[in-house]
């Protein structure tokens, strides 16, 4: 193998590599011999197929397989010989190739920049401590109580109105035919919320216990079975019960229903939950202050391939008209992310910071404990998504690096009220609490709530 340096521009090196045709032929012959014991062809005994026959049948595929393997081996060897600290995926450009010819290709490699870390002595950041007012806790508990209505039976003969709970069985048909999921038992809907099917609630207003009611509505347009999408459907409903809501009394009994020991314990849990949400958002400001100083205090060359990959990730969901409009800001963001990533990684290496498997397991266990009743969902998510586990490991690594930096800089502590916190966060356009989260967001977040009833309610 012959290796020559073609060019070097900044962190990008281009190598010219030639692999002798004799080496390629030798590898081809070795692969043909291996295939003799693997290939079964009609008219030949197993393991006795002549290599010439195999070559005629599968020649192009075998050559491609062998060359692909040679490219991987020789490119790796070339990078090692030239002592290049490669980062990202090298680019290969084939010049000449084919059976009976030398393999000639160029290899474009981006390398890690040399980073000289500067002292953090002049760095400083603000650490916020939240003072949670009693009224915030009271408002949160009232909100939970409102979302956890108690329903009591209406008297026989009383009609159902909006905000009442109707319990019913149903049998549905489309064009007089049953379909999968056309039967329902003990279905409960609160009239007026329109959560079952659009227009369904309105047709149940006025029903009484033991009534028979036919409801006609369209199935949703996004129904999993296309043939049923938006189809008019007849529901024959049998009303099992009609209930009305009563004001929820906020006391120890209510607190126990929410998973707490008593009302004081519920207040404590709510305080921990809300404080944690504010603290998490405010900590992100502290982190940003630190990262901004890390970035501004260092000048480094950036590997083009990493910037290009990051830019592609940022812009993949943008429309064509927005690509040009936000081109400059997107490029700036991509460069910032890569620069910070390289700097933080260097800080981590210099301080011998590592993340153990036990630390990852511990973090997953925290998330499991924070989502009672959904433990198996969290565990399955990480088992089925290795990339999510790797992402979590990266997040832990970054937090350990930030913690290390904090120990070396001046931290100014600042006590703030919730009102002050809201103003700070509003200025940064960072909402404290996201009411709606995707399944993945819920799993990834570090929930401190001990019982999901405190957040979601139990309708």
Protein backbone atom coordinates (compact mmCIF):
# COMPACT_ATOMS: atom_id res chain seq x y z
CA UNK A 1 0.00 0.00 0.00
CA UNK A 2 1.29 3.43 -0.98
CA UNK A 3 0.22 6.50 1.00
CA UNK A 4 0.88 10.10 -0.02
CA UNK A 5 -0.33 13.38 1.43
CA UNK A 6 -2.15 15.33 -1.29
CA UNK A 7 -3.11 18.44 0.68
CA UNK A 8 -3.68 19.86 4.14
CA UNK A 9 -6.00 22.80 4.73
CA UNK A 10 -6.61 23.66 8.34
CA UNK A 11 -7.90 20.52 10.06
CA UNK A 12 -8.68 18.74 6.76
CA UNK A 13 -6.11 16.36 5.28
CA UNK A 14 -6.44 14.62 1.92
CA UNK A 15 -4.43 11.42 1.38
CA UNK A 16 -3.82 9.52 -1.86
CA UNK A 17 -3.83 5.75 -1.36
CA UNK A 18 -2.88 3.02 -3.86
CA UNK A 19 -3.45 -0.66 -3.13
CA UNK A 20 -1.56 -3.05 -5.40
CA UNK A 21 -3.71 -5.24 -7.67
CA UNK A 22 -1.80 -8.31 -6.43
CA UNK A 23 -3.08 -7.76 -2.88
CA UNK A 24 -6.63 -7.37 -4.18
CA UNK A 25 -6.34 -10.59 -6.21
CA UNK A 26 -5.03 -12.45 -3.19
CA UNK A 27 -8.00 -11.28 -1.10
CA UNK A 28 -10.39 -12.29 -3.91
CA UNK A 29 -8.88 -15.78 -4.09
CA UNK A 30 -9.14 -16.16 -0.30
CA UNK A 31 -12.80 -15.15 -0.37
CA UNK A 32 -13.56 -17.55 -3.24
CA UNK A 33 -12.06 -20.41 -1.22
CA UNK A 34 -14.22 -19.48 1.78
CA UNK A 35 -17.31 -19.45 -0.40
CA UNK A 36 -16.62 -22.93 -1.75
CA UNK A 37 -17.67 -24.36 1.61
CA UNK A 38 -20.68 -22.05 1.88
CA UNK A 39 -22.29 -21.96 -1.57
CA UNK A 40 -24.80 -24.60 -2.73
CA UNK A 41 -25.40 -24.83 -6.47
CA UNK A 42 -27.50 -27.37 -8.33
CA UNK A 43 -25.36 -30.08 -9.92
CA UNK A 44 -22.54 -29.79 -7.39
CA UNK A 45 -22.02 -31.49 -4.04
CA UNK A 46 -21.91 -29.17 -1.00
CA UNK A 47 -18.42 -27.72 -0.66
CA UNK A 48 -17.35 -28.92 -4.08
CA UNK A 49 -18.41 -25.98 -6.27
CA UNK A 50 -15.38 -24.88 -8.38
CA UNK A 51 -14.17 -21.35 -7.65
CA UNK A 52 -14.46 -20.50 -11.40
CA UNK A 53 -18.18 -21.30 -11.27
CA UNK A 54 -18.68 -19.22 -8.12
CA UNK A 55 -16.80 -16.36 -9.76
CA UNK A 56 -19.02 -16.49 -12.87
CA UNK A 57 -22.18 -16.48 -10.72
CA UNK A 58 -21.22 -13.93 -8.06
CA UNK A 59 -18.07 -12.21 -9.38
CA UNK A 60 -19.22 -8.58 -9.15
CA UNK A 61 -20.74 -8.99 -5.70
CA UNK A 62 -17.62 -10.74 -4.38
CA UNK A 63 -15.33 -8.05 -5.81
CA UNK A 64 -17.46 -5.32 -4.24
CA UNK A 65 -17.40 -7.09 -0.86
CA UNK A 66 -13.62 -7.57 -0.96
CA UNK A 67 -12.92 -3.98 -2.06
CA UNK A 68 -15.22 -2.60 0.64
CA UNK A 69 -13.26 -4.56 3.27
CA UNK A 70 -9.93 -3.40 1.81
CA UNK A 71 -11.09 0.24 1.85
CA UNK A 72 -11.97 -0.01 5.55
CA UNK A 73 -8.70 -1.72 6.47
CA UNK A 74 -6.37 0.49 4.39
CA UNK A 75 -8.07 3.79 5.31
CA UNK A 76 -7.77 2.94 9.01
CA UNK A 77 -4.12 1.96 8.55
CA UNK A 78 -3.38 5.16 6.59
CA UNK A 79 -4.87 7.36 9.33
CA UNK A 80 -2.81 5.52 11.96
CA UNK A 81 0.43 5.75 9.95
CA UNK A 82 0.00 9.48 9.39
CA UNK A 83 -0.87 9.88 13.11
CA UNK A 84 -4.05 11.79 12.35
CA UNK A 85 -6.47 12.25 15.25
CA UNK A 86 -9.48 11.71 13.01
CA UNK A 87 -12.93 12.91 13.98
CA UNK A 88 -16.13 12.11 12.15
CA UNK A 89 -16.50 9.81 9.16
CA UNK A 90 -13.70 10.11 6.54
CA UNK A 91 -14.76 10.62 2.90
CA UNK A 92 -13.53 8.20 0.24
CA UNK A 93 -13.32 9.11 -3.44
CA UNK A 94 -12.51 6.18 -5.78
CA UNK A 95 -10.20 7.12 -8.65
CA UNK A 96 -9.45 3.79 -10.39
CA UNK A 97 -10.67 0.31 -9.52
CA UNK A 98 -11.70 -2.96 -11.16
CA UNK A 99 -10.45 -6.53 -11.32
CA UNK A 100 -6.90 -6.65 -12.58
CA UNK A 101 -6.27 -3.00 -11.65
CA UNK A 102 -4.67 -1.21 -8.71
CA UNK A 103 -7.15 0.35 -6.33
CA UNK A 104 -6.53 4.09 -6.29
CA UNK A 105 -8.54 6.39 -4.03
CA UNK A 106 -8.32 9.62 -2.07
CA UNK A 107 -9.18 9.84 1.61
CA UNK A 108 -10.40 13.12 3.11
CA UNK A 109 -10.01 13.24 6.90
CA UNK A 110 -10.87 15.92 9.44
CA UNK A 111 -8.78 15.91 12.61
CA UNK A 112 -9.31 17.16 16.12
CA UNK A 113 -8.03 20.69 16.75
CA UNK A 114 -5.33 21.31 19.31
CA UNK A 115 -7.05 22.84 22.33
CA UNK A 116 -5.24 24.79 25.01
CA UNK A 117 -7.62 25.30 27.89
CA UNK A 118 -7.53 28.63 29.67
CA UNK A 119 -7.94 29.24 33.37
CA UNK A 120 -11.43 29.60 34.82
CA UNK A 121 -10.24 31.95 37.56
CA UNK A 122 -12.12 34.95 36.17
CA UNK A 123 -15.37 33.07 35.55
CA UNK A 124 -18.43 33.77 37.67
CA UNK A 125 -22.04 32.65 37.53
CA UNK A 126 -25.30 33.17 39.42
CA UNK A 127 -26.89 30.36 41.39
CA UNK A 128 -30.60 30.98 42.00
CA UNK A 129 -32.48 29.82 45.08
CA UNK A 130 -36.27 29.90 44.77
CA UNK A 131 -38.49 31.15 47.62
CA UNK A 132 -41.87 29.48 47.08
CA UNK A 133 -44.82 31.44 48.45
CA UNK A 134 -47.63 29.63 50.27
CA UNK A 135 -50.20 30.97 47.80
CA UNK A 136 -48.45 29.14 44.93
CA UNK A 137 -48.79 25.84 46.78
CA UNK A 138 -52.44 26.55 47.61
CA UNK A 139 -53.21 27.44 43.98
CA UNK A 140 -51.57 24.23 42.77
CA UNK A 141 -53.57 22.12 45.21
CA UNK A 142 -56.79 23.84 44.15
CA UNK A 143 -55.90 23.11 40.53
CA UNK A 144 -55.34 19.44 41.37
CA UNK A 145 -58.65 19.32 43.25
CA UNK A 146 -60.42 20.89 40.27
CA UNK A 147 -58.97 18.24 37.97
CA UNK A 148 -59.93 15.44 40.37
CA UNK A 149 -63.68 15.84 40.63
CA UNK A 150 -65.76 13.57 42.79
CA UNK A 151 -68.85 12.25 41.04
CA UNK A 152 -71.95 11.02 42.87
CA UNK A 153 -74.96 9.22 41.43
CA UNK A 154 -77.86 11.31 40.26
CA UNK A 155 -81.33 10.26 41.31
CA UNK A 156 -83.20 7.86 39.04
CA UNK A 157 -84.98 9.83 36.34
CA UNK A 158 -82.63 12.83 36.53
CA UNK A 159 -81.28 13.92 33.17
CA UNK A 160 -77.63 14.35 32.23
CA UNK A 161 -76.35 17.86 31.57
CA UNK A 162 -72.99 19.35 30.60
CA UNK A 163 -70.25 18.58 33.17
CA UNK A 164 -72.11 15.43 34.30
CA UNK A 165 -70.48 12.01 33.99
CA UNK A 166 -72.29 9.44 31.85
CA UNK A 167 -71.43 5.73 32.11
CA UNK A 168 -72.59 3.57 29.20
CA UNK A 169 -72.12 0.44 27.10
CA UNK A 170 -72.23 0.68 23.32
CA UNK A 171 -72.42 -1.39 20.18
CA UNK A 172 -71.39 0.41 16.99
CA UNK A 173 -71.87 -0.29 13.27
CA UNK A 174 -70.69 1.24 10.00
CA UNK A 175 -73.05 0.57 7.06
CA UNK A 176 -74.90 -1.84 9.39
CA UNK A 177 -71.70 -3.89 9.89
CA UNK A 178 -69.64 -4.50 13.03
CA UNK A 179 -65.91 -3.69 13.04
CA UNK A 180 -62.90 -4.17 15.30
CA UNK A 181 -63.41 -2.09 18.44
CA UNK A 182 -67.12 -1.66 17.84
CA UNK A 183 -68.06 -2.84 21.36
CA UNK A 184 -67.51 -0.89 24.57
CA UNK A 185 -68.38 -1.61 28.21
CA UNK A 186 -68.51 0.82 31.13
CA UNK A 187 -67.29 3.79 29.09
CA UNK A 188 -67.20 7.03 31.08
CA UNK A 189 -67.28 10.49 29.55
CA UNK A 190 -67.70 13.91 31.14
CA UNK A 191 -70.18 15.78 28.97
CA UNK A 192 -68.82 18.93 27.40
CA UNK A 193 -65.19 17.87 27.17
CA UNK A 194 -65.72 16.22 23.76
CA UNK A 195 -62.90 13.72 24.39
CA UNK A 196 -64.56 10.60 22.97
CA UNK A 197 -65.63 11.46 19.42
CA UNK A 198 -66.45 14.89 18.07
CA UNK A 199 -70.13 15.62 18.58
CA UNK A 200 -70.74 12.51 20.73
CA UNK A 201 -71.17 14.37 24.03
CA UNK A 202 -73.89 16.69 22.78
CA UNK A 203 -76.12 13.77 21.81
CA UNK A 204 -75.98 12.33 25.34
CA UNK A 205 -77.23 15.52 26.98
CA UNK A 206 -80.66 14.75 28.44
CA UNK A 207 -80.25 10.96 28.84
CA UNK A 208 -81.27 9.17 32.05
CA UNK A 209 -80.13 5.99 33.75
CA UNK A 210 -81.31 2.85 31.86
CA UNK A 211 -82.11 4.86 28.71
CA UNK A 212 -81.32 3.50 25.25
CA UNK A 213 -79.80 6.12 23.00
CA UNK A 214 -78.61 6.02 19.40
CA UNK A 215 -75.71 8.37 18.70
CA UNK A 216 -74.58 9.01 15.13
CA UNK A 217 -71.12 10.52 14.58
CA UNK A 218 -68.20 10.19 12.16
CA UNK A 219 -65.12 8.20 13.08
CA UNK A 220 -61.91 10.31 13.10
CA UNK A 221 -60.06 11.05 9.87
CA UNK A 222 -56.88 9.53 11.31
CA UNK A 223 -58.54 6.20 12.19
CA UNK A 224 -55.92 3.40 12.01
CA UNK A 225 -58.10 1.52 9.51
CA UNK A 226 -58.31 3.71 6.41
CA UNK A 227 -61.57 2.12 5.26
CA UNK A 228 -63.23 3.41 8.46
CA UNK A 229 -61.73 6.90 8.45
CA UNK A 230 -64.39 9.64 8.63
CA UNK A 231 -67.16 7.04 8.20
CA UNK A 232 -70.61 7.75 9.65
CA UNK A 233 -71.08 5.39 12.58
CA UNK A 234 -74.18 4.44 14.57
CA UNK A 235 -73.65 3.83 18.30
CA UNK A 236 -76.43 2.02 20.16
CA UNK A 237 -75.84 3.12 23.76
CA UNK A 238 -77.22 1.69 27.00
CA UNK A 239 -76.93 4.24 29.81
CA UNK A 240 -75.62 2.48 32.94
CA UNK A 241 -75.42 5.52 35.19
CA UNK A 242 -75.53 9.32 35.29
CA UNK A 243 -73.41 11.16 37.86
CA UNK A 244 -72.94 14.77 38.89
CA UNK A 245 -69.82 16.36 40.30
CA UNK A 246 -69.54 17.68 43.81
CA UNK A 247 -67.01 20.14 45.14
CA UNK A 248 -63.84 18.40 46.20
CA UNK A 249 -63.04 19.02 49.83
CA UNK A 250 -59.34 19.65 50.33
CA UNK A 251 -58.51 17.64 53.44
CA UNK A 252 -56.45 14.66 54.61
CA UNK A 253 -58.75 12.22 52.78
CA UNK A 254 -58.24 14.09 49.51
CA UNK A 255 -54.48 14.14 50.12
CA UNK A 256 -54.44 10.36 50.66
CA UNK A 257 -56.31 9.86 47.40
CA UNK A 258 -53.51 11.81 45.73
CA UNK A 259 -50.88 9.46 47.15
CA UNK A 260 -49.79 11.57 50.13
CA UNK A 261 -49.92 10.69 53.84
CA UNK A 262 -52.05 13.70 54.75
CA UNK A 263 -52.66 17.30 53.65
CA UNK A 264 -49.39 18.58 55.10
CA UNK A 265 -47.50 15.86 53.27
CA UNK A 266 -49.32 16.77 50.04
CA UNK A 267 -48.32 20.42 50.50
CA UNK A 268 -44.72 19.33 51.02
CA UNK A 269 -44.78 17.17 47.88
CA UNK A 270 -46.26 19.99 45.84
CA UNK A 271 -43.65 22.41 47.20
CA UNK A 272 -40.87 19.98 46.22
CA UNK A 273 -42.35 19.47 42.77
CA UNK A 274 -42.91 23.14 41.92
CA UNK A 275 -39.58 24.23 43.47
CA UNK A 276 -37.82 21.53 41.47
CA UNK A 277 -39.41 22.75 38.24
CA UNK A 278 -38.36 26.33 38.89
CA UNK A 279 -34.90 25.25 40.08
CA UNK A 280 -34.34 23.16 36.97
CA UNK A 281 -35.22 26.10 34.72
CA UNK A 282 -33.12 28.55 36.74
CA UNK A 283 -30.15 26.15 36.78
CA UNK A 284 -30.23 26.22 32.99
CA UNK A 285 -29.49 29.97 33.22
CA UNK A 286 -26.48 29.29 35.45
CA UNK A 287 -25.31 26.67 32.99
CA UNK A 288 -25.71 29.07 30.06
CA UNK A 289 -23.67 31.72 31.86
CA UNK A 290 -20.85 29.21 32.31
CA UNK A 291 -21.00 27.86 28.75
CA UNK A 292 -21.00 31.38 27.28
CA UNK A 293 -17.79 32.18 29.17
CA UNK A 294 -16.18 28.88 28.15
CA UNK A 295 -16.98 29.56 24.49
CA UNK A 296 -15.93 33.23 24.46
CA UNK A 297 -12.62 32.62 26.23
CA UNK A 298 -11.36 30.11 23.64
CA UNK A 299 -10.54 30.33 19.94
CA UNK A 300 -10.22 26.99 18.12
CA UNK A 301 -10.42 25.66 14.57
CA UNK A 302 -13.56 23.62 13.92
CA UNK A 303 -13.67 20.39 11.88
CA UNK A 304 -15.76 21.16 8.79
CA UNK A 305 -17.39 17.72 8.68
CA UNK A 306 -18.74 18.09 12.23
CA UNK A 307 -20.10 21.56 11.51
CA UNK A 308 -21.73 20.31 8.29
CA UNK A 309 -23.33 17.36 10.09
CA UNK A 310 -24.62 19.56 12.92
CA UNK A 311 -25.99 22.10 10.43
CA UNK A 312 -27.82 19.31 8.60
CA UNK A 313 -29.37 18.21 11.91
CA UNK A 314 -30.50 21.75 12.76
CA UNK A 315 -32.04 22.40 9.34
CA UNK A 316 -33.51 18.99 8.48
CA UNK A 317 -37.07 20.00 9.39
CA UNK A 318 -36.93 23.51 7.88
CA UNK A 319 -38.79 24.46 4.73
CA UNK A 320 -36.78 25.58 1.69
CA UNK A 321 -37.78 29.22 2.09
CA UNK A 322 -36.60 29.20 5.72
CA UNK A 323 -33.21 27.66 4.92
CA UNK A 324 -31.90 30.79 3.20
CA UNK A 325 -33.70 33.13 5.59
CA UNK A 326 -32.02 31.65 8.67
CA UNK A 327 -28.81 30.47 6.99
CA UNK A 328 -26.47 32.75 8.93
CA UNK A 329 -28.03 32.10 12.35
CA UNK A 330 -28.14 28.33 11.75
CA UNK A 331 -24.47 28.24 10.75
CA UNK A 332 -23.58 30.27 13.84
CA UNK A 333 -25.57 27.87 16.05
CA UNK A 334 -23.94 24.80 14.47
CA UNK A 335 -20.44 26.22 15.00
CA UNK A 336 -21.29 27.17 18.59
CA UNK A 337 -22.53 23.67 19.42
CA UNK A 338 -19.48 21.97 17.90
CA UNK A 339 -17.09 24.38 19.59
CA UNK A 340 -18.68 23.86 23.00
CA UNK A 341 -18.78 20.10 22.49
CA UNK A 342 -15.06 19.98 21.72
CA UNK A 343 -14.19 22.29 24.63
CA UNK A 344 -16.31 20.38 27.16
CA UNK A 345 -14.86 17.09 25.97
CA UNK A 346 -11.34 18.48 26.43
CA UNK A 347 -12.23 19.69 29.95
CA UNK A 348 -13.66 16.25 30.71
CA UNK A 349 -10.50 14.49 29.51
CA UNK A 350 -8.15 16.87 31.28
CA UNK A 351 -10.04 16.33 34.55
CA UNK A 352 -10.36 12.58 33.98
CA UNK A 353 -14.17 12.80 34.15
CA UNK A 354 -15.93 9.57 33.24
CA UNK A 355 -19.46 8.18 33.40
CA UNK A 356 -19.88 4.66 34.73
CA UNK A 357 -22.60 2.18 33.83
CA UNK A 358 -23.77 2.36 37.45
CA UNK A 359 -24.31 6.12 37.14
CA UNK A 360 -26.44 5.60 34.02
CA UNK A 361 -28.45 2.87 35.79
CA UNK A 362 -28.88 5.15 38.80
CA UNK A 363 -30.25 7.96 36.60
CA UNK A 364 -32.68 5.56 34.90
CA UNK A 365 -33.80 4.34 38.34
CA UNK A 366 -34.49 7.96 39.38
CA UNK A 367 -36.71 8.36 36.34
CA UNK A 368 -38.44 5.07 37.14
CA UNK A 369 -39.19 6.22 40.70
CA UNK A 370 -40.44 9.55 39.35
CA UNK A 371 -43.09 7.84 37.20
CA UNK A 372 -45.07 5.44 39.43
CA UNK A 373 -47.18 2.99 37.47
CA UNK A 374 -45.09 3.48 34.33
CA UNK A 375 -41.90 1.78 35.51
CA UNK A 376 -41.92 -0.92 32.82
CA UNK A 377 -42.49 1.68 30.10
CA UNK A 378 -39.36 3.61 31.15
CA UNK A 379 -37.21 0.47 31.41
CA UNK A 380 -38.45 -0.88 28.04
CA UNK A 381 -37.79 2.49 26.42
CA UNK A 382 -34.10 2.42 27.31
CA UNK A 383 -33.76 -1.29 26.48
CA UNK A 384 -35.21 -0.77 23.01
CA UNK A 385 -33.41 2.52 22.34
CA UNK A 386 -29.62 2.23 22.83
CA UNK A 387 -29.25 5.74 21.39
CA UNK A 388 -31.42 7.09 24.24
CA UNK A 389 -29.13 5.41 26.78
CA UNK A 390 -26.10 6.91 25.03
CA UNK A 391 -27.78 10.31 25.00
CA UNK A 392 -28.48 10.01 28.73
CA UNK A 393 -24.84 9.08 29.31
CA UNK A 394 -23.80 12.19 27.37
CA UNK A 395 -26.11 14.38 29.46
CA UNK A 396 -24.63 12.96 32.70
CA UNK A 397 -21.11 13.53 31.35
CA UNK A 398 -21.91 17.15 30.52
CA UNK A 399 -23.44 17.77 33.97
CA UNK A 400 -20.34 16.34 35.65
CA UNK A 401 -18.16 18.67 33.59
CA UNK A 402 -20.34 21.68 34.50
CA UNK A 403 -20.15 20.67 38.18
CA UNK A 404 -16.36 20.48 37.88
CA UNK A 405 -16.23 23.99 36.39
CA UNK A 406 -18.55 25.32 39.13
CA UNK A 407 -16.09 24.10 41.76
CA UNK A 408 -13.38 26.32 40.24
CA UNK A 409 -15.27 29.57 39.65
CA UNK A 410 -17.01 32.22 41.72
CA UNK A 411 -20.68 31.40 42.31
CA UNK A 412 -22.92 34.28 43.37
CA UNK A 413 -26.02 33.03 45.21
CA UNK A 414 -29.26 34.91 44.63
CA UNK A 415 -32.61 34.31 46.34
CA UNK A 416 -35.60 35.03 44.11
CA UNK A 417 -39.37 34.87 44.51
CA UNK A 418 -41.52 32.98 42.01
CA UNK A 419 -42.56 36.31 40.50
CA UNK A 420 -38.92 37.31 39.98
CA UNK A 421 -38.15 33.87 38.62
CA UNK A 422 -40.99 34.16 36.11
CA UNK A 423 -39.62 37.50 34.88
CA UNK A 424 -36.11 36.10 34.50
CA UNK A 425 -37.37 33.09 32.61
CA UNK A 426 -39.77 35.10 30.48
CA UNK A 427 -36.90 37.30 29.32
CA UNK A 428 -35.09 34.19 28.15
CA UNK A 429 -38.27 32.73 26.59
CA UNK A 430 -37.95 29.61 28.71
CA UNK A 431 -41.25 28.34 30.15
CA UNK A 432 -41.03 26.89 33.62
CA UNK A 433 -43.58 24.11 33.21
CA UNK A 434 -44.51 22.35 29.98
CA UNK A 435 -48.10 21.22 30.32
CA UNK A 436 -47.94 18.82 27.36
CA UNK A 437 -45.06 16.46 26.90
CA UNK A 438 -44.38 13.69 24.42
CA UNK A 439 -43.78 10.15 25.64
CA UNK A 440 -40.05 10.54 25.04
CA UNK A 441 -39.92 13.92 26.89
CA UNK A 442 -41.63 12.38 29.92
CA UNK A 443 -39.11 9.57 30.05
CA UNK A 444 -36.11 11.86 29.58
CA UNK A 445 -37.13 14.49 32.18
CA UNK A 446 -35.91 14.24 35.74
CA UNK A 447 -39.23 14.16 37.51
CA UNK A 448 -39.17 14.68 41.27
CA UNK A 449 -42.85 13.89 41.80
CA UNK A 450 -43.48 10.87 43.97
CA UNK A 451 -46.94 10.15 42.64
CA UNK A 452 -48.22 10.90 39.15
CA UNK A 453 -51.64 11.72 40.64
CA UNK A 454 -50.15 14.96 41.87
CA UNK A 455 -49.49 16.04 38.30
CA UNK A 456 -52.11 14.43 36.14
CA UNK A 457 -55.02 14.00 38.45
CA UNK A 458 -57.24 10.94 38.50
CA UNK A 459 -60.40 11.55 36.55
